[in-house]
């Protein structure tokens, strides 16, 4: 099952969802703000990617800046990052697409074509 984590007020999420629908990609939808992934789910998501932790953070978000995470992420453990993200879904780069073997953050047509069709 593919899970599409998004935020209803995010224009990028809306574009990604429109693309998914146009390409008949089946997915389950979860609002990142109302129901962020648990710490365990985030650790599982991290394990499906060889990306650095920064990849998963919404680095342009207000909460990210308010918390001064720019200088902290590089020294953070996966457990620390997962705890933060599980408590505040706005810290997660969106949309976040996850299935049993892979994960992508953000919306890029090429990446979506490669991973989700």
PDB file of N, CA and C in Angstrom:
ATOM      1  N   UNK A   1       0.835  -1.192   0.000  1.00  0.00           N
ATOM      2  CA  UNK A   1       0.000   0.000   0.000  1.00  0.00           C
ATOM      3  C   UNK A   1       0.873   1.247   0.000  1.00  0.00           C
ATOM      4  N   UNK A   2       0.579   2.155  -0.895  1.00  0.00           N
ATOM      5  CA  UNK A   2       1.293   3.416  -0.960  1.00  0.00           C
ATOM      6  C   UNK A   2       0.549   4.447  -0.129  1.00  0.00           C
ATOM      7  N   UNK A   3       1.296   5.156   0.709  1.00  0.00           N
ATOM      8  CA  UNK A   3       0.693   6.179   1.556  1.00  0.00           C
ATOM      9  C   UNK A   3       1.182   7.546   1.106  1.00  0.00           C
ATOM     10  N   UNK A   4       0.239   8.449   0.942  1.00  0.00           N
ATOM     11  CA  UNK A   4       0.488   9.824   0.522  1.00  0.00           C
ATOM     12  C   UNK A   4       0.236  10.719   1.725  1.00  0.00           C
ATOM     13  N   UNK A   5       1.326  11.175   2.375  1.00  0.00           N
ATOM     14  CA  UNK A   5       1.224  12.092   3.492  1.00  0.00           C
ATOM     15  C   UNK A   5       1.258  13.508   2.926  1.00  0.00           C
ATOM     16  N   UNK A   6       0.271  14.304   3.269  1.00  0.00           N
ATOM     17  CA  UNK A   6       0.183  15.638   2.699  1.00  0.00           C
ATOM     18  C   UNK A   6      -0.389  16.616   3.718  1.00  0.00           C
ATOM     19  N   UNK A   7      -0.485  17.870   3.300  1.00  0.00           N
ATOM     20  CA  UNK A   7      -1.102  18.916   4.106  1.00  0.00           C
ATOM     21  C   UNK A   7      -2.127  19.591   3.207  1.00  0.00           C
ATOM     22  N   UNK A   8      -3.360  19.667   3.648  1.00  0.00           N
ATOM     23  CA  UNK A   8      -4.461  20.130   2.802  1.00  0.00           C
ATOM     24  C   UNK A   8      -4.291  21.551   2.269  1.00  0.00           C
ATOM     25  N   UNK A   9      -3.532  22.382   2.956  1.00  0.00           N
ATOM     26  CA  UNK A   9      -3.346  23.766   2.517  1.00  0.00           C
ATOM     27  C   UNK A   9      -2.095  23.957   1.657  1.00  0.00           C
ATOM     28  N   UNK A  10      -1.398  22.874   1.343  1.00  0.00           N
ATOM     29  CA  UNK A  10      -0.139  22.952   0.602  1.00  0.00           C
ATOM     30  C   UNK A  10      -0.396  22.832  -0.902  1.00  0.00           C
ATOM     31  N   UNK A  11       0.024  23.844  -1.664  1.00  0.00           N
ATOM     32  CA  UNK A  11      -0.197  23.825  -3.111  1.00  0.00           C
ATOM     33  C   UNK A  11       0.618  22.729  -3.786  1.00  0.00           C
ATOM     34  N   UNK A  12       1.788  22.425  -3.282  1.00  0.00           N
ATOM     35  CA  UNK A  12       2.605  21.350  -3.860  1.00  0.00           C
ATOM     36  C   UNK A  12       1.924  20.007  -3.659  1.00  0.00           C
ATOM     37  N   UNK A  13       1.331  19.809  -2.501  1.00  0.00           N
ATOM     38  CA  UNK A  13       0.593  18.569  -2.240  1.00  0.00           C
ATOM     39  C   UNK A  13      -0.586  18.427  -3.197  1.00  0.00           C
ATOM     40  N   UNK A  14      -1.262  19.530  -3.449  1.00  0.00           N
ATOM     41  CA  UNK A  14      -2.399  19.508  -4.374  1.00  0.00           C
ATOM     42  C   UNK A  14      -1.948  19.132  -5.782  1.00  0.00           C
ATOM     43  N   UNK A  15      -0.819  19.676  -6.220  1.00  0.00           N
ATOM     44  CA  UNK A  15      -0.281  19.340  -7.544  1.00  0.00           C
ATOM     45  C   UNK A  15       0.099  17.866  -7.611  1.00  0.00           C
ATOM     46  N   UNK A  16       0.728  17.379  -6.561  1.00  0.00           N
ATOM     47  CA  UNK A  16       1.143  15.975  -6.522  1.00  0.00           C
ATOM     48  C   UNK A  16      -0.068  15.053  -6.546  1.00  0.00           C
ATOM     49  N   UNK A  17      -1.088  15.388  -5.765  1.00  0.00           N
ATOM     50  CA  UNK A  17      -2.281  14.547  -5.731  1.00  0.00           C
ATOM     51  C   UNK A  17      -2.993  14.546  -7.090  1.00  0.00           C
ATOM     52  N   UNK A  18      -3.036  15.690  -7.732  1.00  0.00           N
ATOM     53  CA  UNK A  18      -3.645  15.769  -9.070  1.00  0.00           C
ATOM     54  C   UNK A  18      -2.882  14.862 -10.029  1.00  0.00           C
ATOM     55  N   UNK A  19      -1.546  14.899  -9.949  1.00  0.00           N
ATOM     56  CA  UNK A  19      -0.712  14.051 -10.799  1.00  0.00           C
ATOM     57  C   UNK A  19      -0.989  12.574 -10.532  1.00  0.00           C
ATOM     58  N   UNK A  20      -1.070  12.206  -9.265  1.00  0.00           N
ATOM     59  CA  UNK A  20      -1.351  10.813  -8.900  1.00  0.00           C
ATOM     60  C   UNK A  20      -2.687  10.353  -9.470  1.00  0.00           C
ATOM     61  N   UNK A  21      -3.682  11.200  -9.377  1.00  0.00           N
ATOM     62  CA  UNK A  21      -5.009  10.862  -9.889  1.00  0.00           C
ATOM     63  C   UNK A  21      -4.999  10.742 -11.411  1.00  0.00           C
ATOM     64  N   UNK A  22      -4.293  11.658 -12.077  1.00  0.00           N
ATOM     65  CA  UNK A  22      -4.208  11.625 -13.545  1.00  0.00           C
ATOM     66  C   UNK A  22      -3.495  10.376 -14.048  1.00  0.00           C
ATOM     67  N   UNK A  23      -2.620   9.812 -13.213  1.00  0.00           N
ATOM     68  CA  UNK A  23      -1.844   8.630 -13.604  1.00  0.00           C
ATOM     69  C   UNK A  23      -2.368   7.348 -12.946  1.00  0.00           C
ATOM     70  N   UNK A  24      -3.562   7.428 -12.390  1.00  0.00           N
ATOM     71  CA  UNK A  24      -4.239   6.270 -11.789  1.00  0.00           C
ATOM     72  C   UNK A  24      -3.382   5.525 -10.770  1.00  0.00           C
ATOM     73  N   UNK A  25      -2.658   6.282  -9.969  1.00  0.00           N
ATOM     74  CA  UNK A  25      -1.851   5.694  -8.897  1.00  0.00           C
ATOM     75  C   UNK A  25      -2.760   5.549  -7.673  1.00  0.00           C
ATOM     76  N   UNK A  26      -2.839   4.348  -7.139  1.00  0.00           N
ATOM     77  CA  UNK A  26      -3.673   4.165  -5.942  1.00  0.00           C
ATOM     78  C   UNK A  26      -2.831   4.439  -4.694  1.00  0.00           C
ATOM     79  N   UNK A  27      -3.468   5.067  -3.715  1.00  0.00           N
ATOM     80  CA  UNK A  27      -2.765   5.459  -2.501  1.00  0.00           C
ATOM     81  C   UNK A  27      -3.771   5.712  -1.390  1.00  0.00           C
ATOM     82  N   UNK A  28      -3.263   5.661  -0.186  1.00  0.00           N
ATOM     83  CA  UNK A  28      -4.037   6.086   0.972  1.00  0.00           C
ATOM     84  C   UNK A  28      -3.531   7.461   1.361  1.00  0.00           C
ATOM     85  N   UNK A  29      -4.435   8.338   1.761  1.00  0.00           N
ATOM     86  CA  UNK A  29      -4.072   9.725   2.051  1.00  0.00           C
ATOM     87  C   UNK A  29      -4.157   9.996   3.547  1.00  0.00           C
ATOM     88  N   UNK A  30      -3.092  10.606   4.087  1.00  0.00           N
ATOM     89  CA  UNK A  30      -3.052  10.977   5.503  1.00  0.00           C
ATOM     90  C   UNK A  30      -2.569  12.423   5.612  1.00  0.00           C
ATOM     91  N   UNK A  31      -3.260  13.215   6.402  1.00  0.00           N
ATOM     92  CA  UNK A  31      -2.860  14.608   6.632  1.00  0.00           C
ATOM     93  C   UNK A  31      -1.706  14.631   7.635  1.00  0.00           C
ATOM     94  N   UNK A  32      -0.577  15.171   7.199  1.00  0.00           N
ATOM     95  CA  UNK A  32       0.632  15.227   8.033  1.00  0.00           C
ATOM     96  C   UNK A  32       0.450  16.049   9.306  1.00  0.00           C
ATOM     97  N   UNK A  33      -0.365  17.070   9.240  1.00  0.00           N
ATOM     98  CA  UNK A  33      -0.533  17.951  10.395  1.00  0.00           C
ATOM     99  C   UNK A  33      -1.497  17.333  11.408  1.00  0.00           C
ATOM    100  N   UNK A  34      -2.599  16.789  10.911  1.00  0.00           N
ATOM    101  CA  UNK A  34      -3.586  16.191  11.804  1.00  0.00           C
ATOM    102  C   UNK A  34      -3.133  14.856  12.382  1.00  0.00           C
ATOM    103  N   UNK A  35      -2.384  14.098  11.577  1.00  0.00           N
ATOM    104  CA  UNK A  35      -1.973  12.754  11.991  1.00  0.00           C
ATOM    105  C   UNK A  35      -0.549  12.464  11.510  1.00  0.00           C
ATOM    106  N   UNK A  36       0.449  13.103  12.125  1.00  0.00           N
ATOM    107  CA  UNK A  36       1.827  12.850  11.689  1.00  0.00           C
ATOM    108  C   UNK A  36       2.226  11.396  11.946  1.00  0.00           C
ATOM    109  N   UNK A  37       3.161  10.879  11.146  1.00  0.00           N
ATOM    110  CA  UNK A  37       3.641   9.515  11.399  1.00  0.00           C
ATOM    111  C   UNK A  37       4.217   9.414  12.812  1.00  0.00           C
ATOM    112  N   UNK A  38       4.113   8.244  13.398  1.00  0.00           N
ATOM    113  CA  UNK A  38       4.691   8.020  14.725  1.00  0.00           C
ATOM    114  C   UNK A  38       6.215   7.988  14.617  1.00  0.00           C
ATOM    115  N   UNK A  39       6.871   8.030  15.749  1.00  0.00           N
ATOM    116  CA  UNK A  39       8.333   7.932  15.775  1.00  0.00           C
ATOM    117  C   UNK A  39       8.775   6.644  15.081  1.00  0.00           C
ATOM    118  N   UNK A  40       8.106   5.547  15.378  1.00  0.00           N
ATOM    119  CA  UNK A  40       8.462   4.259  14.780  1.00  0.00           C
ATOM    120  C   UNK A  40       8.251   4.281  13.270  1.00  0.00           C
ATOM    121  N   UNK A  41       7.164   4.902  12.823  1.00  0.00           N
ATOM    122  CA  UNK A  41       6.912   5.006  11.385  1.00  0.00           C
ATOM    123  C   UNK A  41       7.987   5.852  10.708  1.00  0.00           C
ATOM    124  N   UNK A  42       8.387   6.946  11.348  1.00  0.00           N
ATOM    125  CA  UNK A  42       9.440   7.791  10.767  1.00  0.00           C
ATOM    126  C   UNK A  42      10.758   7.029  10.686  1.00  0.00           C
ATOM    127  N   UNK A  43      11.094   6.275  11.714  1.00  0.00           N
ATOM    128  CA  UNK A  43      12.329   5.481  11.672  1.00  0.00           C
ATOM    129  C   UNK A  43      12.263   4.468  10.533  1.00  0.00           C
ATOM    130  N   UNK A  44      11.107   3.875  10.319  1.00  0.00           N
ATOM    131  CA  UNK A  44      10.912   2.943   9.220  1.00  0.00           C
ATOM    132  C   UNK A  44      11.066   3.662   7.872  1.00  0.00           C
ATOM    133  N   UNK A  45      10.501   4.866   7.776  1.00  0.00           N
ATOM    134  CA  UNK A  45      10.623   5.665   6.550  1.00  0.00           C
ATOM    135  C   UNK A  45      12.088   5.987   6.281  1.00  0.00           C
ATOM    136  N   UNK A  46      12.820   6.421   7.296  1.00  0.00           N
ATOM    137  CA  UNK A  46      14.246   6.712   7.132  1.00  0.00           C
ATOM    138  C   UNK A  46      14.998   5.489   6.602  1.00  0.00           C
ATOM    139  N   UNK A  47      14.630   4.312   7.080  1.00  0.00           N
ATOM    140  CA  UNK A  47      15.346   3.085   6.716  1.00  0.00           C
ATOM    141  C   UNK A  47      15.156   2.703   5.243  1.00  0.00           C
ATOM    142  N   UNK A  48      14.153   3.266   4.596  1.00  0.00           N
ATOM    143  CA  UNK A  48      13.870   2.944   3.194  1.00  0.00           C
ATOM    144  C   UNK A  48      14.622   3.857   2.227  1.00  0.00           C
ATOM    145  N   UNK A  49      15.416   4.755   2.758  1.00  0.00           N
ATOM    146  CA  UNK A  49      16.099   5.746   1.930  1.00  0.00           C
ATOM    147  C   UNK A  49      17.563   5.857   2.327  1.00  0.00           C
ATOM    148  N   UNK A  50      18.380   6.193   1.347  1.00  0.00           N
ATOM    149  CA  UNK A  50      19.793   6.452   1.658  1.00  0.00           C
ATOM    150  C   UNK A  50      20.055   7.957   1.754  1.00  0.00           C
ATOM    151  N   UNK A  51      18.968   8.732   1.811  1.00  0.00           N
ATOM    152  CA  UNK A  51      19.084  10.187   1.921  1.00  0.00           C
ATOM    153  C   UNK A  51      19.489  10.594   3.342  1.00  0.00           C
ATOM    154  N   UNK A  52      20.128  11.753   3.436  1.00  0.00           N
ATOM    155  CA  UNK A  52      20.440  12.310   4.754  1.00  0.00           C
ATOM    156  C   UNK A  52      19.155  12.821   5.398  1.00  0.00           C
ATOM    157  N   UNK A  53      19.189  13.006   6.702  1.00  0.00           N
ATOM    158  CA  UNK A  53      18.009  13.450   7.439  1.00  0.00           C
ATOM    159  C   UNK A  53      17.436  14.763   6.907  1.00  0.00           C
ATOM    160  N   UNK A  54      18.292  15.655   6.449  1.00  0.00           N
ATOM    161  CA  UNK A  54      17.833  16.958   5.950  1.00  0.00           C
ATOM    162  C   UNK A  54      16.801  16.789   4.839  1.00  0.00           C
ATOM    163  N   UNK A  55      16.915  15.720   4.048  1.00  0.00           N
ATOM    164  CA  UNK A  55      15.986  15.443   2.945  1.00  0.00           C
ATOM    165  C   UNK A  55      14.537  15.383   3.438  1.00  0.00           C
ATOM    166  N   UNK A  56      14.325  14.904   4.629  1.00  0.00           N
ATOM    167  CA  UNK A  56      12.985  14.688   5.171  1.00  0.00           C
ATOM    168  C   UNK A  56      12.395  15.915   5.866  1.00  0.00           C
ATOM    169  N   UNK A  57      13.213  16.933   6.096  1.00  0.00           N
ATOM    170  CA  UNK A  57      12.750  18.129   6.792  1.00  0.00           C
ATOM    171  C   UNK A  57      12.223  19.181   5.824  1.00  0.00           C
ATOM    172  N   UNK A  58      11.155  19.857   6.232  1.00  0.00           N
ATOM    173  CA  UNK A  58      10.594  20.982   5.491  1.00  0.00           C
ATOM    174  C   UNK A  58      11.441  22.201   5.841  1.00  0.00           C
ATOM    175  N   UNK A  59      12.570  22.331   5.162  1.00  0.00           N
ATOM    176  CA  UNK A  59      13.554  23.361   5.511  1.00  0.00           C
ATOM    177  C   UNK A  59      13.068  24.780   5.235  1.00  0.00           C
ATOM    178  N   UNK A  60      11.997  24.929   4.473  1.00  0.00           N
ATOM    179  CA  UNK A  60      11.462  26.271   4.223  1.00  0.00           C
ATOM    180  C   UNK A  60      10.284  26.595   5.141  1.00  0.00           C
ATOM    181  N   UNK A  61       9.971  25.689   6.048  1.00  0.00           N
ATOM    182  CA  UNK A  61       8.830  25.884   6.934  1.00  0.00           C
ATOM    183  C   UNK A  61       9.098  26.826   8.089  1.00  0.00           C
ATOM    184  N   UNK A  62       8.045  27.452   8.551  1.00  0.00           N
ATOM    185  CA  UNK A  62       8.129  28.403   9.667  1.00  0.00           C
ATOM    186  C   UNK A  62       8.605  27.711  10.940  1.00  0.00           C
ATOM    187  N   UNK A  63       8.042  26.535  11.238  1.00  0.00           N
ATOM    188  CA  UNK A  63       8.414  25.829  12.474  1.00  0.00           C
ATOM    189  C   UNK A  63       9.884  25.425  12.453  1.00  0.00           C
ATOM    190  N   UNK A  64      10.355  24.996  11.292  1.00  0.00           N
ATOM    191  CA  UNK A  64      11.762  24.605  11.128  1.00  0.00           C
ATOM    192  C   UNK A  64      12.666  25.794  11.470  1.00  0.00           C
ATOM    193  N   UNK A  65      12.320  26.964  10.946  1.00  0.00           N
ATOM    194  CA  UNK A  65      13.125  28.162  11.203  1.00  0.00           C
ATOM    195  C   UNK A  65      13.015  28.610  12.654  1.00  0.00           C
ATOM    196  N   UNK A  66      11.782  28.600  13.199  1.00  0.00           N
ATOM    197  CA  UNK A  66      11.580  29.026  14.592  1.00  0.00           C
ATOM    198  C   UNK A  66      12.381  28.171  15.563  1.00  0.00           C
ATOM    199  N   UNK A  67      12.495  26.891  15.248  1.00  0.00           N
ATOM    200  CA  UNK A  67      13.207  25.966  16.134  1.00  0.00           C
ATOM    201  C   UNK A  67      14.717  25.978  15.906  1.00  0.00           C
ATOM    202  N   UNK A  68      15.175  26.760  14.923  1.00  0.00           N
ATOM    203  CA  UNK A  68      16.602  26.856  14.641  1.00  0.00           C
ATOM    204  C   UNK A  68      17.217  25.528  14.221  1.00  0.00           C
ATOM    205  N   UNK A  69      16.466  24.736  13.467  1.00  0.00           N
ATOM    206  CA  UNK A  69      16.931  23.389  13.122  1.00  0.00           C
ATOM    207  C   UNK A  69      18.015  23.368  12.054  1.00  0.00           C
ATOM    208  N   UNK A  70      18.170  24.461  11.326  1.00  0.00           N
ATOM    209  CA  UNK A  70      19.175  24.518  10.269  1.00  0.00           C
ATOM    210  C   UNK A  70      20.550  24.071  10.767  1.00  0.00           C
ATOM    211  N   UNK A  71      20.908  24.522  11.937  1.00  0.00           N
ATOM    212  CA  UNK A  71      22.223  24.210  12.489  1.00  0.00           C
ATOM    213  C   UNK A  71      22.237  22.951  13.350  1.00  0.00           C
ATOM    214  N   UNK A  72      21.073  22.347  13.556  1.00  0.00           N
ATOM    215  CA  UNK A  72      20.985  21.188  14.443  1.00  0.00           C
ATOM    216  C   UNK A  72      20.817  19.862  13.716  1.00  0.00           C
ATOM    217  N   UNK A  73      20.241  19.892  12.512  1.00  0.00           N
ATOM    218  CA  UNK A  73      19.894  18.650  11.806  1.00  0.00           C
ATOM    219  C   UNK A  73      21.111  17.774  11.540  1.00  0.00           C
ATOM    220  N   UNK A  74      22.218  18.361  11.158  1.00  0.00           N
ATOM    221  CA  UNK A  74      23.417  17.576  10.816  1.00  0.00           C
ATOM    222  C   UNK A  74      23.932  16.755  12.000  1.00  0.00           C
ATOM    223  N   UNK A  75      23.682  17.229  13.231  1.00  0.00           N
ATOM    224  CA  UNK A  75      24.171  16.525  14.414  1.00  0.00           C
ATOM    225  C   UNK A  75      23.104  15.637  15.056  1.00  0.00           C
ATOM    226  N   UNK A  76      21.904  15.658  14.489  1.00  0.00           N
ATOM    227  CA  UNK A  76      20.784  14.918  15.046  1.00  0.00           C
ATOM    228  C   UNK A  76      20.876  13.428  14.739  1.00  0.00           C
ATOM    229  N   UNK A  77      20.419  12.609  15.675  1.00  0.00           N
ATOM    230  CA  UNK A  77      20.300  11.177  15.402  1.00  0.00           C
ATOM    231  C   UNK A  77      18.966  10.940  14.700  1.00  0.00           C
ATOM    232  N   UNK A  78      18.818   9.781  14.096  1.00  0.00           N
ATOM    233  CA  UNK A  78      17.543   9.433  13.459  1.00  0.00           C
ATOM    234  C   UNK A  78      16.426   9.404  14.489  1.00  0.00           C
ATOM    235  N   UNK A  79      16.742   8.937  15.686  1.00  0.00           N
ATOM    236  CA  UNK A  79      15.741   8.874  16.746  1.00  0.00           C
ATOM    237  C   UNK A  79      15.273  10.272  17.148  1.00  0.00           C
ATOM    238  N   UNK A  80      16.200  11.202  17.257  1.00  0.00           N
ATOM    239  CA  UNK A  80      15.842  12.574  17.609  1.00  0.00           C
ATOM    240  C   UNK A  80      14.975  13.205  16.519  1.00  0.00           C
ATOM    241  N   UNK A  81      15.365  13.010  15.270  1.00  0.00           N
ATOM    242  CA  UNK A  81      14.591  13.557  14.155  1.00  0.00           C
ATOM    243  C   UNK A  81      13.198  12.937  14.104  1.00  0.00           C
ATOM    244  N   UNK A  82      13.121  11.639  14.277  1.00  0.00           N
ATOM    245  CA  UNK A  82      11.828  10.942  14.245  1.00  0.00           C
ATOM    246  C   UNK A  82      10.914  11.431  15.368  1.00  0.00           C
ATOM    247  N   UNK A  83      11.477  11.673  16.537  1.00  0.00           N
ATOM    248  CA  UNK A  83      10.690  12.183  17.661  1.00  0.00           C
ATOM    249  C   UNK A  83      10.129  13.561  17.336  1.00  0.00           C
ATOM    250  N   UNK A  84      10.968  14.444  16.826  1.00  0.00           N
ATOM    251  CA  UNK A  84      10.518  15.794  16.465  1.00  0.00           C
ATOM    252  C   UNK A  84       9.407  15.749  15.419  1.00  0.00           C
ATOM    253  N   UNK A  85       9.634  14.976  14.368  1.00  0.00           N
ATOM    254  CA  UNK A  85       8.672  14.915  13.267  1.00  0.00           C
ATOM    255  C   UNK A  85       7.351  14.285  13.697  1.00  0.00           C
ATOM    256  N   UNK A  86       7.416  13.320  14.602  1.00  0.00           N
ATOM    257  CA  UNK A  86       6.186  12.665  15.059  1.00  0.00           C
ATOM    258  C   UNK A  86       5.330  13.607  15.913  1.00  0.00           C
ATOM    259  N   UNK A  87       5.955  14.622  16.477  1.00  0.00           N
ATOM    260  CA  UNK A  87       5.235  15.585  17.306  1.00  0.00           C
ATOM    261  C   UNK A  87       4.767  16.810  16.523  1.00  0.00           C
ATOM    262  N   UNK A  88       5.369  17.039  15.348  1.00  0.00           N
ATOM    263  CA  UNK A  88       5.039  18.219  14.540  1.00  0.00           C
ATOM    264  C   UNK A  88       5.170  17.873  13.059  1.00  0.00           C
ATOM    265  N   UNK A  89       4.062  17.503  12.439  1.00  0.00           N
ATOM    266  CA  UNK A  89       4.068  17.104  11.026  1.00  0.00           C
ATOM    267  C   UNK A  89       4.495  18.203  10.076  1.00  0.00           C
ATOM    268  N   UNK A  90       4.420  19.463  10.514  1.00  0.00           N
ATOM    269  CA  UNK A  90       4.844  20.560   9.638  1.00  0.00           C
ATOM    270  C   UNK A  90       6.362  20.573   9.437  1.00  0.00           C
ATOM    271  N   UNK A  91       7.082  19.798  10.229  1.00  0.00           N
ATOM    272  CA  UNK A  91       8.533  19.702  10.056  1.00  0.00           C
ATOM    273  C   UNK A  91       8.909  18.758   8.918  1.00  0.00           C
ATOM    274  N   UNK A  92       7.954  17.969   8.447  1.00  0.00           N
ATOM    275  CA  UNK A  92       8.225  16.964   7.416  1.00  0.00           C
ATOM    276  C   UNK A  92       8.030  17.578   6.039  1.00  0.00           C
ATOM    277  N   UNK A  93       9.000  17.354   5.169  1.00  0.00           N
ATOM    278  CA  UNK A  93       8.882  17.825   3.789  1.00  0.00           C
ATOM    279  C   UNK A  93       7.721  17.104   3.128  1.00  0.00           C
ATOM    280  N   UNK A  94       6.908  17.869   2.444  1.00  0.00           N
ATOM    281  CA  UNK A  94       5.710  17.295   1.851  1.00  0.00           C
ATOM    282  C   UNK A  94       5.613  17.554   0.363  1.00  0.00           C
ATOM    283  N   UNK A  95       4.859  16.738  -0.310  1.00  0.00           N
ATOM    284  CA  UNK A  95       4.240  15.518   0.176  1.00  0.00           C
ATOM    285  C   UNK A  95       5.274  14.421   0.404  1.00  0.00           C
ATOM    286  N   UNK A  96       4.925  13.512   1.264  1.00  0.00           N
ATOM    287  CA  UNK A  96       5.761  12.360   1.585  1.00  0.00           C
ATOM    288  C   UNK A  96       5.033  11.126   1.075  1.00  0.00           C
ATOM    289  N   UNK A  97       5.673  10.415   0.141  1.00  0.00           N
ATOM    290  CA  UNK A  97       5.093   9.188  -0.428  1.00  0.00           C
ATOM    291  C   UNK A  97       5.902   8.008   0.074  1.00  0.00           C
ATOM    292  N   UNK A  98       5.195   6.985   0.556  1.00  0.00           N
ATOM    293  CA  UNK A  98       5.856   5.830   1.154  1.00  0.00           C
ATOM    294  C   UNK A  98       5.148   4.552   0.723  1.00  0.00           C
ATOM    295  N   UNK A  99       5.929   3.525   0.370  1.00  0.00           N
ATOM    296  CA  UNK A  99       5.355   2.190   0.215  1.00  0.00           C
ATOM    297  C   UNK A  99       6.246   1.212   0.965  1.00  0.00           C
ATOM    298  N   UNK A 100       6.131  -0.063   0.668  1.00  0.00           N
ATOM    299  CA  UNK A 100       6.891  -1.066   1.425  1.00  0.00           C
ATOM    300  C   UNK A 100       8.399  -0.976   1.233  1.00  0.00           C
ATOM    301  N   UNK A 101       8.856  -0.399   0.117  1.00  0.00           N
ATOM    302  CA  UNK A 101      10.288  -0.416  -0.179  1.00  0.00           C
ATOM    303  C   UNK A 101      10.924   0.945  -0.445  1.00  0.00           C
ATOM    304  N   UNK A 102      10.113   1.964  -0.708  1.00  0.00           N
ATOM    305  CA  UNK A 102      10.715   3.249  -1.077  1.00  0.00           C
ATOM    306  C   UNK A 102       9.953   4.427  -0.497  1.00  0.00           C
ATOM    307  N   UNK A 103      10.598   5.593  -0.595  1.00  0.00           N
ATOM    308  CA  UNK A 103      10.033   6.826  -0.061  1.00  0.00           C
ATOM    309  C   UNK A 103      10.530   7.997  -0.900  1.00  0.00           C
ATOM    310  N   UNK A 104       9.652   8.983  -1.124  1.00  0.00           N
ATOM    311  CA  UNK A 104      10.068  10.236  -1.755  1.00  0.00           C
ATOM    312  C   UNK A 104       9.461  11.399  -0.987  1.00  0.00           C
ATOM    313  N   UNK A 105      10.187  12.508  -0.965  1.00  0.00           N
ATOM    314  CA  UNK A 105       9.704  13.737  -0.339  1.00  0.00           C
ATOM    315  C   UNK A 105       9.624  14.821  -1.402  1.00  0.00           C
ATOM    316  N   UNK A 106       8.639  15.679  -1.268  1.00  0.00           N
ATOM    317  CA  UNK A 106       8.452  16.743  -2.240  1.00  0.00           C
ATOM    318  C   UNK A 106       7.791  16.200  -3.493  1.00  0.00           C
ATOM    319  N   UNK A 107       7.543  17.083  -4.446  1.00  0.00           N
ATOM    320  CA  UNK A 107       6.924  16.663  -5.696  1.00  0.00           C
ATOM    321  C   UNK A 107       7.793  17.075  -6.862  1.00  0.00           C
ATOM    322  N   UNK A 108       8.257  16.070  -7.592  1.00  0.00           N
ATOM    323  CA  UNK A 108       9.028  16.255  -8.813  1.00  0.00           C
ATOM    324  C   UNK A 108       8.484  15.229  -9.802  1.00  0.00           C
ATOM    325  N   UNK A 109       8.019  15.693 -10.960  1.00  0.00           N
ATOM    326  CA  UNK A 109       7.383  14.805 -11.929  1.00  0.00           C
ATOM    327  C   UNK A 109       8.301  13.639 -12.297  1.00  0.00           C
ATOM    328  N   UNK A 110       9.564  13.908 -12.555  1.00  0.00           N
ATOM    329  CA  UNK A 110      10.499  12.848 -12.921  1.00  0.00           C
ATOM    330  C   UNK A 110      10.648  11.806 -11.832  1.00  0.00           C
ATOM    331  N   UNK A 111      10.751  12.255 -10.602  1.00  0.00           N
ATOM    332  CA  UNK A 111      10.878  11.345  -9.461  1.00  0.00           C
ATOM    333  C   UNK A 111       9.600  10.532  -9.302  1.00  0.00           C
ATOM    334  N   UNK A 112       8.458  11.170  -9.454  1.00  0.00           N
ATOM    335  CA  UNK A 112       7.188  10.454  -9.337  1.00  0.00           C
ATOM    336  C   UNK A 112       7.046   9.427 -10.460  1.00  0.00           C
ATOM    337  N   UNK A 113       7.412   9.803 -11.691  1.00  0.00           N
ATOM    338  CA  UNK A 113       7.333   8.858 -12.812  1.00  0.00           C
ATOM    339  C   UNK A 113       8.222   7.632 -12.556  1.00  0.00           C
ATOM    340  N   UNK A 114       9.409   7.898 -12.027  1.00  0.00           N
ATOM    341  CA  UNK A 114      10.376   6.817 -11.772  1.00  0.00           C
ATOM    342  C   UNK A 114       9.929   5.903 -10.635  1.00  0.00           C
ATOM    343  N   UNK A 115       9.295   6.456  -9.626  1.00  0.00           N
ATOM    344  CA  UNK A 115       8.996   5.701  -8.408  1.00  0.00           C
ATOM    345  C   UNK A 115       7.554   5.241  -8.246  1.00  0.00           C
ATOM    346  N   UNK A 116       6.589   5.961  -8.803  1.00  0.00           N
ATOM    347  CA  UNK A 116       5.200   5.699  -8.441  1.00  0.00           C
ATOM    348  C   UNK A 116       4.292   5.235  -9.576  1.00  0.00           C
ATOM    349  N   UNK A 117       4.853   5.111 -10.778  1.00  0.00           N
ATOM    350  CA  UNK A 117       4.033   4.542 -11.870  1.00  0.00           C
ATOM    351  C   UNK A 117       4.366   3.074 -12.036  1.00  0.00           C
TER     352      UNK A 117
END
